Amino acid sequence: MNRLKNIVSGFVKSSISLPFLATAAVADVLPRDLDQDPSTVEAYYDTEFDITAIAHPNLPLSERFGIPRTVDTTCTNGIFCNETQPGIDRFGFMEWPTADEYIASMNNENYMGRSDW
């Protein structure tokens, strides 16, 4: 669970995102085959940070694992905001408590044959 918690923090509303993997040396980022199909890569393992990142950077947009989508509201400054709503927003972002719930749901559904995200 801690591995994906570090990765999902990239989806949490902040300036952190999965492109942090691009900063590591190519030799330090190894492809991971999770579905036993050698022609596909489902995740990448970063040996320097000891974390595994899902290869699909926008997974929360396509697989919500039962987590609700937030409803866009317009803030007073005219931009969209979801500060008080739990769930996954229209960009795939989520707050930390939602990320914890997301990971637990991935584990419960045995995503990619794994229950230790």
PDB file of N, CA and C in Angstrom:
ATOM      1  N   MET A   1       0.812  -1.187   0.000  1.00  0.00           N
ATOM      2  CA  MET A   1       0.000   0.000   0.000  1.00  0.00           C
ATOM      3  C   MET A   1       0.857   1.253   0.000  1.00  0.00           C
ATOM      4  N   ASN A   2       2.000   1.211   0.653  1.00  0.00           N
ATOM      5  CA  ASN A   2       2.859   2.388   0.705  1.00  0.00           C
ATOM      6  C   ASN A   2       3.447   2.718  -0.660  1.00  0.00           C
ATOM      7  N   ARG A   3       3.695   1.675  -1.487  1.00  0.00           N
ATOM      8  CA  ARG A   3       4.254   1.948  -2.806  1.00  0.00           C
ATOM      9  C   ARG A   3       3.321   2.831  -3.611  1.00  0.00           C
ATOM     10  N   LEU A   4       2.056   2.472  -3.698  1.00  0.00           N
ATOM     11  CA  LEU A   4       1.130   3.253  -4.496  1.00  0.00           C
ATOM     12  C   LEU A   4       0.768   4.558  -3.809  1.00  0.00           C
ATOM     13  N   LYS A   5       0.804   4.579  -2.484  1.00  0.00           N
ATOM     14  CA  LYS A   5       0.513   5.826  -1.776  1.00  0.00           C
ATOM     15  C   LYS A   5       1.502   6.895  -2.230  1.00  0.00           C
ATOM     16  N   ASN A   6       2.766   6.522  -2.390  1.00  0.00           N
ATOM     17  CA  ASN A   6       3.763   7.464  -2.884  1.00  0.00           C
ATOM     18  C   ASN A   6       3.451   7.889  -4.302  1.00  0.00           C
ATOM     19  N   ILE A   7       2.958   6.973  -5.106  1.00  0.00           N
ATOM     20  CA  ILE A   7       2.663   7.275  -6.495  1.00  0.00           C
ATOM     21  C   ILE A   7       1.391   8.091  -6.610  1.00  0.00           C
ATOM     22  N   VAL A   8       0.367   7.688  -5.877  1.00  0.00           N
ATOM     23  CA  VAL A   8      -0.899   8.409  -5.954  1.00  0.00           C
ATOM     24  C   VAL A   8      -0.728   9.831  -5.458  1.00  0.00           C
ATOM     25  N   SER A   9       0.278  10.068  -4.617  1.00  0.00           N
ATOM     26  CA  SER A   9       0.498  11.446  -4.187  1.00  0.00           C
ATOM     27  C   SER A   9       0.743  12.333  -5.397  1.00  0.00           C
ATOM     28  N   GLY A  10       1.191  11.744  -6.504  1.00  0.00           N
ATOM     29  CA  GLY A  10       1.337  12.502  -7.738  1.00  0.00           C
ATOM     30  C   GLY A  10       0.000  12.920  -8.306  1.00  0.00           C
ATOM     31  N   PHE A  11      -1.043  12.170  -7.999  1.00  0.00           N
ATOM     32  CA  PHE A  11      -2.381  12.523  -8.456  1.00  0.00           C
ATOM     33  C   PHE A  11      -3.062  13.493  -7.495  1.00  0.00           C
ATOM     34  N   VAL A  12      -2.578  13.545  -6.269  1.00  0.00           N
ATOM     35  CA  VAL A  12      -3.171  14.420  -5.263  1.00  0.00           C
ATOM     36  C   VAL A  12      -2.913  15.864  -5.679  1.00  0.00           C
ATOM     37  N   LYS A  13      -3.814  16.743  -5.345  1.00  0.00           N
ATOM     38  CA  LYS A  13      -3.688  18.142  -5.770  1.00  0.00           C
ATOM     39  C   LYS A  13      -2.412  18.762  -5.224  1.00  0.00           C
ATOM     40  N   SER A  14      -1.422  18.793  -6.067  1.00  0.00           N
ATOM     41  CA  SER A  14      -0.146  19.416  -5.750  1.00  0.00           C
ATOM     42  C   SER A  14       0.614  19.572  -7.051  1.00  0.00           C
ATOM     43  N   SER A  15       1.832  19.999  -6.962  1.00  0.00           N
ATOM     44  CA  SER A  15       2.625  20.154  -8.171  1.00  0.00           C
ATOM     45  C   SER A  15       3.350  18.868  -8.532  1.00  0.00           C
ATOM     46  N   ILE A  16       3.198  17.810  -7.738  1.00  0.00           N
ATOM     47  CA  ILE A  16       3.881  16.542  -7.988  1.00  0.00           C
ATOM     48  C   ILE A  16       3.068  15.734  -8.993  1.00  0.00           C
ATOM     49  N   SER A  17       3.740  15.126  -9.970  1.00  0.00           N
ATOM     50  CA  SER A  17       3.060  14.251 -10.914  1.00  0.00           C
ATOM     51  C   SER A  17       4.011  13.146 -11.344  1.00  0.00           C
ATOM     52  N   LEU A  18       3.508  12.177 -12.086  1.00  0.00           N
ATOM     53  CA  LEU A  18       4.320  11.033 -12.487  1.00  0.00           C
ATOM     54  C   LEU A  18       5.552  11.381 -13.321  1.00  0.00           C
ATOM     55  N   PRO A  19       5.629  12.522 -13.984  1.00  0.00           N
ATOM     56  CA  PRO A  19       6.858  12.810 -14.717  1.00  0.00           C
ATOM     57  C   PRO A  19       8.121  12.833 -13.868  1.00  0.00           C
ATOM     58  N   PHE A  20       7.998  12.758 -12.537  1.00  0.00           N
ATOM     59  CA  PHE A  20       9.200  12.684 -11.698  1.00  0.00           C
ATOM     60  C   PHE A  20      10.037  11.476 -12.077  1.00  0.00           C
ATOM     61  N   LEU A  21       9.421  10.445 -12.668  1.00  0.00           N
ATOM     62  CA  LEU A  21      10.172   9.264 -13.082  1.00  0.00           C
ATOM     63  C   LEU A  21      11.162   9.603 -14.188  1.00  0.00           C
ATOM     64  N   ALA A  22      10.855  10.593 -14.997  1.00  0.00           N
ATOM     65  CA  ALA A  22      11.720  10.961 -16.099  1.00  0.00           C
ATOM     66  C   ALA A  22      13.033  11.554 -15.606  1.00  0.00           C
ATOM     67  N   THR A  23      13.093  11.998 -14.363  1.00  0.00           N
ATOM     68  CA  THR A  23      14.311  12.602 -13.854  1.00  0.00           C
ATOM     69  C   THR A  23      15.328  11.555 -13.404  1.00  0.00           C
ATOM     70  N   ALA A  24      14.889  10.330 -13.198  1.00  0.00           N
ATOM     71  CA  ALA A  24      15.810   9.275 -12.787  1.00  0.00           C
ATOM     72  C   ALA A  24      16.557   8.749 -14.010  1.00  0.00           C
ATOM     73  N   ALA A  25      17.736   8.223 -13.788  1.00  0.00           N
ATOM     74  CA  ALA A  25      18.492   7.631 -14.885  1.00  0.00           C
ATOM     75  C   ALA A  25      17.714   6.457 -15.464  1.00  0.00           C
ATOM     76  N   VAL A  26      17.823   6.280 -16.774  1.00  0.00           N
ATOM     77  CA  VAL A  26      17.068   5.218 -17.439  1.00  0.00           C
ATOM     78  C   VAL A  26      17.370   3.864 -16.812  1.00  0.00           C
ATOM     79  N   ALA A  27      18.603   3.630 -16.410  1.00  0.00           N
ATOM     80  CA  ALA A  27      18.975   2.344 -15.813  1.00  0.00           C
ATOM     81  C   ALA A  27      18.293   2.122 -14.465  1.00  0.00           C
ATOM     82  N   ASP A  28      17.817   3.196 -13.827  1.00  0.00           N
ATOM     83  CA  ASP A  28      17.181   3.075 -12.526  1.00  0.00           C
ATOM     84  C   ASP A  28      15.675   2.849 -12.593  1.00  0.00           C
ATOM     85  N   VAL A  29      15.087   2.969 -13.782  1.00  0.00           N
ATOM     86  CA  VAL A  29      13.648   2.767 -13.948  1.00  0.00           C
ATOM     87  C   VAL A  29      13.447   1.516 -14.792  1.00  0.00           C
ATOM     88  N   LEU A  30      12.879   0.502 -14.148  1.00  0.00           N
ATOM     89  CA  LEU A  30      12.736  -0.796 -14.805  1.00  0.00           C
ATOM     90  C   LEU A  30      11.280  -1.108 -15.102  1.00  0.00           C
ATOM     91  N   PRO A  31      10.982  -1.619 -16.306  1.00  0.00           N
ATOM     92  CA  PRO A  31       9.607  -1.990 -16.614  1.00  0.00           C
ATOM     93  C   PRO A  31       9.175  -3.186 -15.771  1.00  0.00           C
ATOM     94  N   ARG A  32       7.877  -3.209 -15.408  1.00  0.00           N
ATOM     95  CA  ARG A  32       7.337  -4.334 -14.641  1.00  0.00           C
ATOM     96  C   ARG A  32       6.162  -4.924 -15.401  1.00  0.00           C
ATOM     97  N   ASP A  33       6.221  -6.219 -15.602  1.00  0.00           N
ATOM     98  CA  ASP A  33       5.136  -6.953 -16.247  1.00  0.00           C
ATOM     99  C   ASP A  33       4.270  -7.552 -15.146  1.00  0.00           C
ATOM    100  N   LEU A  34       3.046  -7.036 -15.003  1.00  0.00           N
ATOM    101  CA  LEU A  34       2.178  -7.507 -13.930  1.00  0.00           C
ATOM    102  C   LEU A  34       1.123  -8.501 -14.400  1.00  0.00           C
ATOM    103  N   ASP A  35       0.874  -8.561 -15.708  1.00  0.00           N
ATOM    104  CA  ASP A  35      -0.194  -9.440 -16.195  1.00  0.00           C
ATOM    105  C   ASP A  35       0.337 -10.668 -16.938  1.00  0.00           C
ATOM    106  N   GLN A  36       1.630 -10.934 -16.812  1.00  0.00           N
ATOM    107  CA  GLN A  36       2.283 -12.094 -17.433  1.00  0.00           C
ATOM    108  C   GLN A  36       2.229 -12.062 -18.956  1.00  0.00           C
ATOM    109  N   ASP A  37       2.018 -10.882 -19.551  1.00  0.00           N
ATOM    110  CA  ASP A  37       2.055 -10.705 -21.002  1.00  0.00           C
ATOM    111  C   ASP A  37       3.330  -9.933 -21.312  1.00  0.00           C
ATOM    112  N   PRO A  38       4.352 -10.619 -21.849  1.00  0.00           N
ATOM    113  CA  PRO A  38       5.639  -9.953 -22.069  1.00  0.00           C
ATOM    114  C   PRO A  38       5.593  -8.819 -23.096  1.00  0.00           C
ATOM    115  N   SER A  39       4.514  -8.692 -23.835  1.00  0.00           N
ATOM    116  CA  SER A  39       4.433  -7.635 -24.842  1.00  0.00           C
ATOM    117  C   SER A  39       3.908  -6.314 -24.265  1.00  0.00           C
ATOM    118  N   THR A  40       3.533  -6.315 -22.979  1.00  0.00           N
ATOM    119  CA  THR A  40       3.009  -5.093 -22.373  1.00  0.00           C
ATOM    120  C   THR A  40       3.757  -4.760 -21.084  1.00  0.00           C
ATOM    121  N   VAL A  41       3.730  -3.504 -20.711  1.00  0.00           N
ATOM    122  CA  VAL A  41       4.316  -3.029 -19.456  1.00  0.00           C
ATOM    123  C   VAL A  41       3.213  -2.327 -18.684  1.00  0.00           C
ATOM    124  N   GLU A  42       2.940  -2.783 -17.490  1.00  0.00           N
ATOM    125  CA  GLU A  42       1.864  -2.212 -16.685  1.00  0.00           C
ATOM    126  C   GLU A  42       2.362  -1.242 -15.615  1.00  0.00           C
ATOM    127  N   ALA A  43       3.639  -1.314 -15.295  1.00  0.00           N
ATOM    128  CA  ALA A  43       4.188  -0.457 -14.244  1.00  0.00           C
ATOM    129  C   ALA A  43       5.687  -0.276 -14.462  1.00  0.00           C
ATOM    130  N   TYR A  44       6.237   0.670 -13.733  1.00  0.00           N
ATOM    131  CA  TYR A  44       7.681   0.909 -13.754  1.00  0.00           C
ATOM    132  C   TYR A  44       8.183   0.943 -12.319  1.00  0.00           C
ATOM    133  N   TYR A  45       9.340   0.318 -12.107  1.00  0.00           N
ATOM    134  CA  TYR A  45       9.950   0.291 -10.775  1.00  0.00           C
ATOM    135  C   TYR A  45      11.154   1.214 -10.775  1.00  0.00           C
ATOM    136  N   ASP A  46      11.199   2.141  -9.835  1.00  0.00           N
ATOM    137  CA  ASP A  46      12.306   3.073  -9.680  1.00  0.00           C
ATOM    138  C   ASP A  46      13.192   2.555  -8.554  1.00  0.00           C
ATOM    139  N   THR A  47      14.383   2.097  -8.927  1.00  0.00           N
ATOM    140  CA  THR A  47      15.286   1.490  -7.942  1.00  0.00           C
ATOM    141  C   THR A  47      15.840   2.507  -6.947  1.00  0.00           C
ATOM    142  N   GLU A  48      15.974   3.748  -7.363  1.00  0.00           N
ATOM    143  CA  GLU A  48      16.508   4.771  -6.459  1.00  0.00           C
ATOM    144  C   GLU A  48      15.518   5.096  -5.340  1.00  0.00           C
ATOM    145  N   PHE A  49      14.234   5.232  -5.689  1.00  0.00           N
ATOM    146  CA  PHE A  49      13.220   5.601  -4.710  1.00  0.00           C
ATOM    147  C   PHE A  49      12.473   4.400  -4.149  1.00  0.00           C
ATOM    148  N   ASP A  50      12.725   3.197  -4.697  1.00  0.00           N
ATOM    149  CA  ASP A  50      12.074   1.964  -4.260  1.00  0.00           C
ATOM    150  C   ASP A  50      10.552   2.084  -4.318  1.00  0.00           C
ATOM    151  N   ILE A  51      10.062   2.569  -5.450  1.00  0.00           N
ATOM    152  CA  ILE A  51       8.619   2.680  -5.652  1.00  0.00           C
ATOM    153  C   ILE A  51       8.246   2.118  -7.019  1.00  0.00           C
ATOM    154  N   THR A  52       7.028   1.675  -7.126  1.00  0.00           N
ATOM    155  CA  THR A  52       6.486   1.210  -8.395  1.00  0.00           C
ATOM    156  C   THR A  52       5.387   2.166  -8.812  1.00  0.00           C
ATOM    157  N   ALA A  53       5.464   2.645 -10.049  1.00  0.00           N
ATOM    158  CA  ALA A  53       4.453   3.553 -10.586  1.00  0.00           C
ATOM    159  C   ALA A  53       3.655   2.825 -11.654  1.00  0.00           C
ATOM    160  N   ILE A  54       2.362   3.019 -11.633  1.00  0.00           N
ATOM    161  CA  ILE A  54       1.503   2.446 -12.659  1.00  0.00           C
ATOM    162  C   ILE A  54       1.841   3.123 -13.978  1.00  0.00           C
ATOM    163  N   ALA A  55       1.935   2.344 -15.049  1.00  0.00           N
ATOM    164  CA  ALA A  55       2.294   2.898 -16.350  1.00  0.00           C
ATOM    165  C   ALA A  55       1.216   3.821 -16.900  1.00  0.00           C
ATOM    166  N   HIS A  56      -0.007   3.636 -16.495  1.00  0.00           N
ATOM    167  CA  HIS A  56      -1.128   4.462 -16.964  1.00  0.00           C
ATOM    168  C   HIS A  56      -1.210   5.707 -16.087  1.00  0.00           C
ATOM    169  N   PRO A  57      -0.736   6.862 -16.570  1.00  0.00           N
ATOM    170  CA  PRO A  57      -0.679   8.045 -15.712  1.00  0.00           C
ATOM    171  C   PRO A  57      -2.038   8.628 -15.340  1.00  0.00           C
ATOM    172  N   ASN A  58      -3.070   8.312 -16.102  1.00  0.00           N
ATOM    173  CA  ASN A  58      -4.394   8.864 -15.820  1.00  0.00           C
ATOM    174  C   ASN A  58      -5.364   7.779 -15.373  1.00  0.00           C
ATOM    175  N   LEU A  59      -4.875   6.793 -14.658  1.00  0.00           N
ATOM    176  CA  LEU A  59      -5.722   5.691 -14.210  1.00  0.00           C
ATOM    177  C   LEU A  59      -6.973   6.157 -13.477  1.00  0.00           C
ATOM    178  N   PRO A  60      -6.900   7.143 -12.593  1.00  0.00           N
ATOM    179  CA  PRO A  60      -8.118   7.559 -11.890  1.00  0.00           C
ATOM    180  C   PRO A  60      -9.219   8.101 -12.808  1.00  0.00           C
ATOM    181  N   LEU A  61      -8.860   8.512 -14.023  1.00  0.00           N
ATOM    182  CA  LEU A  61      -9.885   8.977 -14.960  1.00  0.00           C
ATOM    183  C   LEU A  61     -10.646   7.822 -15.592  1.00  0.00           C
ATOM    184  N   SER A  62      -9.966   6.684 -15.787  1.00  0.00           N
ATOM    185  CA  SER A  62     -10.623   5.555 -16.455  1.00  0.00           C
ATOM    186  C   SER A  62     -11.071   4.461 -15.492  1.00  0.00           C
ATOM    187  N   GLU A  63     -10.404   4.316 -14.366  1.00  0.00           N
ATOM    188  CA  GLU A  63     -10.745   3.300 -13.366  1.00  0.00           C
ATOM    189  C   GLU A  63     -10.900   3.995 -12.023  1.00  0.00           C
ATOM    190  N   ARG A  64     -12.143   4.145 -11.567  1.00  0.00           N
ATOM    191  CA  ARG A  64     -12.372   4.849 -10.301  1.00  0.00           C
ATOM    192  C   ARG A  64     -12.489   3.903  -9.114  1.00  0.00           C
ATOM    193  N   PHE A  65     -12.635   2.605  -9.349  1.00  0.00           N
ATOM    194  CA  PHE A  65     -12.732   1.610  -8.277  1.00  0.00           C
ATOM    195  C   PHE A  65     -13.794   1.989  -7.245  1.00  0.00           C
ATOM    196  N   GLY A  66     -14.916   2.500  -7.729  1.00  0.00           N
ATOM    197  CA  GLY A  66     -16.025   2.833  -6.841  1.00  0.00           C
ATOM    198  C   GLY A  66     -15.931   4.193  -6.171  1.00  0.00           C
ATOM    199  N   ILE A  67     -14.856   4.921  -6.404  1.00  0.00           N
ATOM    200  CA  ILE A  67     -14.702   6.250  -5.815  1.00  0.00           C
ATOM    201  C   ILE A  67     -15.531   7.220  -6.664  1.00  0.00           C
ATOM    202  N   PRO A  68     -16.370   8.046  -6.041  1.00  0.00           N
ATOM    203  CA  PRO A  68     -17.214   8.950  -6.831  1.00  0.00           C
ATOM    204  C   PRO A  68     -16.409  10.059  -7.498  1.00  0.00           C
ATOM    205  N   ARG A  69     -16.953  10.555  -8.582  1.00  0.00           N
ATOM    206  CA  ARG A  69     -16.377  11.725  -9.241  1.00  0.00           C
ATOM    207  C   ARG A  69     -16.942  12.966  -8.559  1.00  0.00           C
ATOM    208  N   THR A  70     -16.108  13.974  -8.376  1.00  0.00           N
ATOM    209  CA  THR A  70     -16.583  15.204  -7.753  1.00  0.00           C
ATOM    210  C   THR A  70     -17.433  15.987  -8.741  1.00  0.00           C
ATOM    211  N   VAL A  71     -18.217  16.887  -8.228  1.00  0.00           N
ATOM    212  CA  VAL A  71     -19.030  17.771  -9.064  1.00  0.00           C
ATOM    213  C   VAL A  71     -18.312  19.109  -9.121  1.00  0.00           C
ATOM    214  N   ASP A  72     -18.067  19.594 -10.338  1.00  0.00           N
ATOM    215  CA  ASP A  72     -17.384  20.880 -10.471  1.00  0.00           C
ATOM    216  C   ASP A  72     -18.237  21.998  -9.909  1.00  0.00           C
ATOM    217  N   THR A  73     -17.603  22.835  -9.145  1.00  0.00           N
ATOM    218  CA  THR A  73     -18.259  24.039  -8.649  1.00  0.00           C
ATOM    219  C   THR A  73     -17.407  25.219  -9.064  1.00  0.00           C
ATOM    220  N   THR A  74     -18.004  26.350  -9.250  1.00  0.00           N
ATOM    221  CA  THR A  74     -17.252  27.534  -9.644  1.00  0.00           C
ATOM    222  C   THR A  74     -16.952  28.368  -8.408  1.00  0.00           C
ATOM    223  N   CYS A  75     -15.693  28.670  -8.209  1.00  0.00           N
ATOM    224  CA  CYS A  75     -15.277  29.510  -7.084  1.00  0.00           C
ATOM    225  C   CYS A  75     -15.561  30.971  -7.406  1.00  0.00           C
ATOM    226  N   THR A  76     -15.384  31.811  -6.435  1.00  0.00           N
ATOM    227  CA  THR A  76     -15.658  33.235  -6.625  1.00  0.00           C
ATOM    228  C   THR A  76     -14.742  33.872  -7.656  1.00  0.00           C
ATOM    229  N   ASN A  77     -13.561  33.294  -7.884  1.00  0.00           N
ATOM    230  CA  ASN A  77     -12.645  33.884  -8.859  1.00  0.00           C
ATOM    231  C   ASN A  77     -12.906  33.369 -10.282  1.00  0.00           C
ATOM    232  N   GLY A  78     -13.957  32.559 -10.471  1.00  0.00           N
ATOM    233  CA  GLY A  78     -14.345  32.117 -11.800  1.00  0.00           C
ATOM    234  C   GLY A  78     -13.710  30.832 -12.287  1.00  0.00           C
ATOM    235  N   ILE A  79     -12.792  30.254 -11.512  1.00  0.00           N
ATOM    236  CA  ILE A  79     -12.192  28.988 -11.922  1.00  0.00           C
ATOM    237  C   ILE A  79     -12.915  27.844 -11.227  1.00  0.00           C
ATOM    238  N   PHE A  80     -12.733  26.644 -11.747  1.00  0.00           N
ATOM    239  CA  PHE A  80     -13.347  25.479 -11.126  1.00  0.00           C
ATOM    240  C   PHE A  80     -12.539  25.074  -9.903  1.00  0.00           C
ATOM    241  N   CYS A  81     -13.242  24.641  -8.859  1.00  0.00           N
ATOM    242  CA  CYS A  81     -12.553  24.186  -7.663  1.00  0.00           C
ATOM    243  C   CYS A  81     -13.387  23.117  -6.967  1.00  0.00           C
ATOM    244  N   ASN A  82     -12.741  22.261  -6.225  1.00  0.00           N
ATOM    245  CA  ASN A  82     -13.396  21.162  -5.520  1.00  0.00           C
ATOM    246  C   ASN A  82     -12.814  21.000  -4.129  1.00  0.00           C
ATOM    247  N   GLU A  83     -12.427  22.074  -3.500  1.00  0.00           N
ATOM    248  CA  GLU A  83     -11.695  21.990  -2.243  1.00  0.00           C
ATOM    249  C   GLU A  83     -12.391  21.185  -1.153  1.00  0.00           C
ATOM    250  N   THR A  84     -13.701  21.197  -1.104  1.00  0.00           N
ATOM    251  CA  THR A  84     -14.387  20.553   0.009  1.00  0.00           C
ATOM    252  C   THR A  84     -15.053  19.235  -0.376  1.00  0.00           C
ATOM    253  N   GLN A  85     -14.918  18.797  -1.611  1.00  0.00           N
ATOM    254  CA  GLN A  85     -15.611  17.600  -2.057  1.00  0.00           C
ATOM    255  C   GLN A  85     -14.663  16.410  -2.123  1.00  0.00           C
ATOM    256  N   PRO A  86     -15.035  15.301  -1.490  1.00  0.00           N
ATOM    257  CA  PRO A  86     -14.221  14.096  -1.638  1.00  0.00           C
ATOM    258  C   PRO A  86     -14.477  13.468  -2.998  1.00  0.00           C
ATOM    259  N   GLY A  87     -13.526  12.710  -3.487  1.00  0.00           N
ATOM    260  CA  GLY A  87     -13.695  12.019  -4.758  1.00  0.00           C
ATOM    261  C   GLY A  87     -12.603  12.387  -5.741  1.00  0.00           C
ATOM    262  N   ILE A  88     -12.785  11.950  -6.973  1.00  0.00           N
ATOM    263  CA  ILE A  88     -11.832  12.183  -8.053  1.00  0.00           C
ATOM    264  C   ILE A  88     -12.397  13.288  -8.939  1.00  0.00           C
ATOM    265  N   ASP A  89     -11.618  14.332  -9.173  1.00  0.00           N
ATOM    266  CA  ASP A  89     -12.145  15.426  -9.986  1.00  0.00           C
ATOM    267  C   ASP A  89     -12.001  15.124 -11.475  1.00  0.00           C
ATOM    268  N   ARG A  90     -12.418  16.049 -12.310  1.00  0.00           N
ATOM    269  CA  ARG A  90     -12.455  15.809 -13.755  1.00  0.00           C
ATOM    270  C   ARG A  90     -11.070  15.670 -14.372  1.00  0.00           C
ATOM    271  N   PHE A  91     -10.025  16.000 -13.641  1.00  0.00           N
ATOM    272  CA  PHE A  91      -8.658  15.847 -14.130  1.00  0.00           C
ATOM    273  C   PHE A  91      -7.975  14.599 -13.571  1.00  0.00           C
ATOM    274  N   GLY A  92      -8.664  13.867 -12.698  1.00  0.00           N
ATOM    275  CA  GLY A  92      -8.081  12.691 -12.078  1.00  0.00           C
ATOM    276  C   GLY A  92      -7.396  12.980 -10.764  1.00  0.00           C
ATOM    277  N   PHE A  93      -7.477  14.216 -10.289  1.00  0.00           N
ATOM    278  CA  PHE A  93      -6.863  14.588  -9.016  1.00  0.00           C
ATOM    279  C   PHE A  93      -7.761  14.187  -7.852  1.00  0.00           C
ATOM    280  N   MET A  94      -7.145  13.970  -6.692  1.00  0.00           N
ATOM    281  CA  MET A  94      -7.897  13.629  -5.494  1.00  0.00           C
ATOM    282  C   MET A  94      -7.121  14.097  -4.278  1.00  0.00           C
ATOM    283  N   GLU A  95      -7.827  14.291  -3.184  1.00  0.00           N
ATOM    284  CA  GLU A  95      -7.198  14.657  -1.920  1.00  0.00           C
ATOM    285  C   GLU A  95      -6.607  13.400  -1.270  1.00  0.00           C
ATOM    286  N   TRP A  96      -5.720  13.589  -0.301  1.00  0.00           N
ATOM    287  CA  TRP A  96      -5.025  12.460   0.338  1.00  0.00           C
ATOM    288  C   TRP A  96      -5.968  11.401   0.910  1.00  0.00           C
ATOM    289  N   PRO A  97      -7.023  11.766   1.660  1.00  0.00           N
ATOM    290  CA  PRO A  97      -7.922  10.722   2.181  1.00  0.00           C
ATOM    291  C   PRO A  97      -8.581   9.912   1.063  1.00  0.00           C
ATOM    292  N   THR A  98      -8.892  10.569  -0.047  1.00  0.00           N
ATOM    293  CA  THR A  98      -9.466   9.856  -1.196  1.00  0.00           C
ATOM    294  C   THR A  98      -8.429   8.932  -1.811  1.00  0.00           C
ATOM    295  N   ALA A  99      -7.175   9.363  -1.860  1.00  0.00           N
ATOM    296  CA  ALA A  99      -6.103   8.518  -2.392  1.00  0.00           C
ATOM    297  C   ALA A  99      -5.952   7.251  -1.550  1.00  0.00           C
ATOM    298  N   ASP A 100      -6.056   7.388  -0.225  1.00  0.00           N
ATOM    299  CA  ASP A 100      -6.006   6.209   0.652  1.00  0.00           C
ATOM    300  C   ASP A 100      -7.148   5.254   0.331  1.00  0.00           C
ATOM    301  N   GLU A 101      -8.340   5.805   0.146  1.00  0.00           N
ATOM    302  CA  GLU A 101      -9.513   4.994  -0.190  1.00  0.00           C
ATOM    303  C   GLU A 101      -9.344   4.351  -1.571  1.00  0.00           C
ATOM    304  N   TYR A 102      -8.777   5.089  -2.504  1.00  0.00           N
ATOM    305  CA  TYR A 102      -8.531   4.600  -3.865  1.00  0.00           C
ATOM    306  C   TYR A 102      -7.605   3.381  -3.840  1.00  0.00           C
ATOM    307  N   ILE A 103      -6.518   3.482  -3.083  1.00  0.00           N
ATOM    308  CA  ILE A 103      -5.568   2.375  -2.978  1.00  0.00           C
ATOM    309  C   ILE A 103      -6.216   1.164  -2.324  1.00  0.00           C
ATOM    310  N   ALA A 104      -6.974   1.390  -1.268  1.00  0.00           N
ATOM    311  CA  ALA A 104      -7.677   0.286  -0.601  1.00  0.00           C
ATOM    312  C   ALA A 104      -8.637  -0.396  -1.573  1.00  0.00           C
ATOM    313  N   SER A 105      -9.313   0.391  -2.401  1.00  0.00           N
ATOM    314  CA  SER A 105     -10.240  -0.177  -3.382  1.00  0.00           C
ATOM    315  C   SER A 105      -9.495  -0.966  -4.451  1.00  0.00           C
ATOM    316  N   MET A 106      -8.333  -0.465  -4.879  1.00  0.00           N
ATOM    317  CA  MET A 106      -7.514  -1.208  -5.845  1.00  0.00           C
ATOM    318  C   MET A 106      -7.127  -2.566  -5.261  1.00  0.00           C
ATOM    319  N   ASN A 107      -6.725  -2.559  -3.991  1.00  0.00           N
ATOM    320  CA  ASN A 107      -6.345  -3.816  -3.328  1.00  0.00           C
ATOM    321  C   ASN A 107      -7.540  -4.752  -3.205  1.00  0.00           C
ATOM    322  N   ASN A 108      -8.703  -4.220  -2.829  1.00  0.00           N
ATOM    323  CA  ASN A 108      -9.903  -5.049  -2.689  1.00  0.00           C
ATOM    324  C   ASN A 108     -10.315  -5.679  -4.005  1.00  0.00           C
ATOM    325  N   GLU A 109     -10.096  -4.963  -5.111  1.00  0.00           N
ATOM    326  CA  GLU A 109     -10.461  -5.480  -6.428  1.00  0.00           C
ATOM    327  C   GLU A 109      -9.326  -6.276  -7.069  1.00  0.00           C
ATOM    328  N   ASN A 110      -8.207  -6.423  -6.345  1.00  0.00           N
ATOM    329  CA  ASN A 110      -7.068  -7.196  -6.839  1.00  0.00           C
ATOM    330  C   ASN A 110      -6.616  -6.693  -8.211  1.00  0.00           C
ATOM    331  N   TYR A 111      -6.451  -5.380  -8.318  1.00  0.00           N
ATOM    332  CA  TYR A 111      -6.081  -4.748  -9.582  1.00  0.00           C
ATOM    333  C   TYR A 111      -4.765  -5.303 -10.109  1.00  0.00           C
ATOM    334  N   MET A 112      -4.761  -5.692 -11.377  1.00  0.00           N
ATOM    335  CA  MET A 112      -3.597  -6.283 -12.051  1.00  0.00           C
ATOM    336  C   MET A 112      -3.079  -7.525 -11.323  1.00  0.00           C
ATOM    337  N   GLY A 113      -3.979  -8.225 -10.628  1.00  0.00           N
ATOM    338  CA  GLY A 113      -3.598  -9.436  -9.938  1.00  0.00           C
ATOM    339  C   GLY A 113      -2.826  -9.202  -8.648  1.00  0.00           C
ATOM    340  N   ARG A 114      -2.864  -7.967  -8.153  1.00  0.00           N
ATOM    341  CA  ARG A 114      -2.113  -7.627  -6.938  1.00  0.00           C
ATOM    342  C   ARG A 114      -3.055  -7.031  -5.899  1.00  0.00           C
ATOM    343  N   SER A 115      -2.723  -7.285  -4.648  1.00  0.00           N
ATOM    344  CA  SER A 115      -3.521  -6.716  -3.553  1.00  0.00           C
ATOM    345  C   SER A 115      -2.608  -6.007  -2.549  1.00  0.00           C
ATOM    346  N   ASP A 116      -1.444  -5.582  -3.008  1.00  0.00           N
ATOM    347  CA  ASP A 116      -0.482  -4.914  -2.117  1.00  0.00           C
ATOM    348  C   ASP A 116      -0.019  -3.566  -2.681  1.00  0.00           C
ATOM    349  N   TRP A 117      -0.927  -2.865  -3.327  1.00  0.00           N
ATOM    350  CA  TRP A 117      -0.562  -1.559  -3.867  1.00  0.00           C
ATOM    351  C   TRP A 117      -0.252  -0.596  -2.745  1.00  0.00           C
TER     352      TRP A 117
END
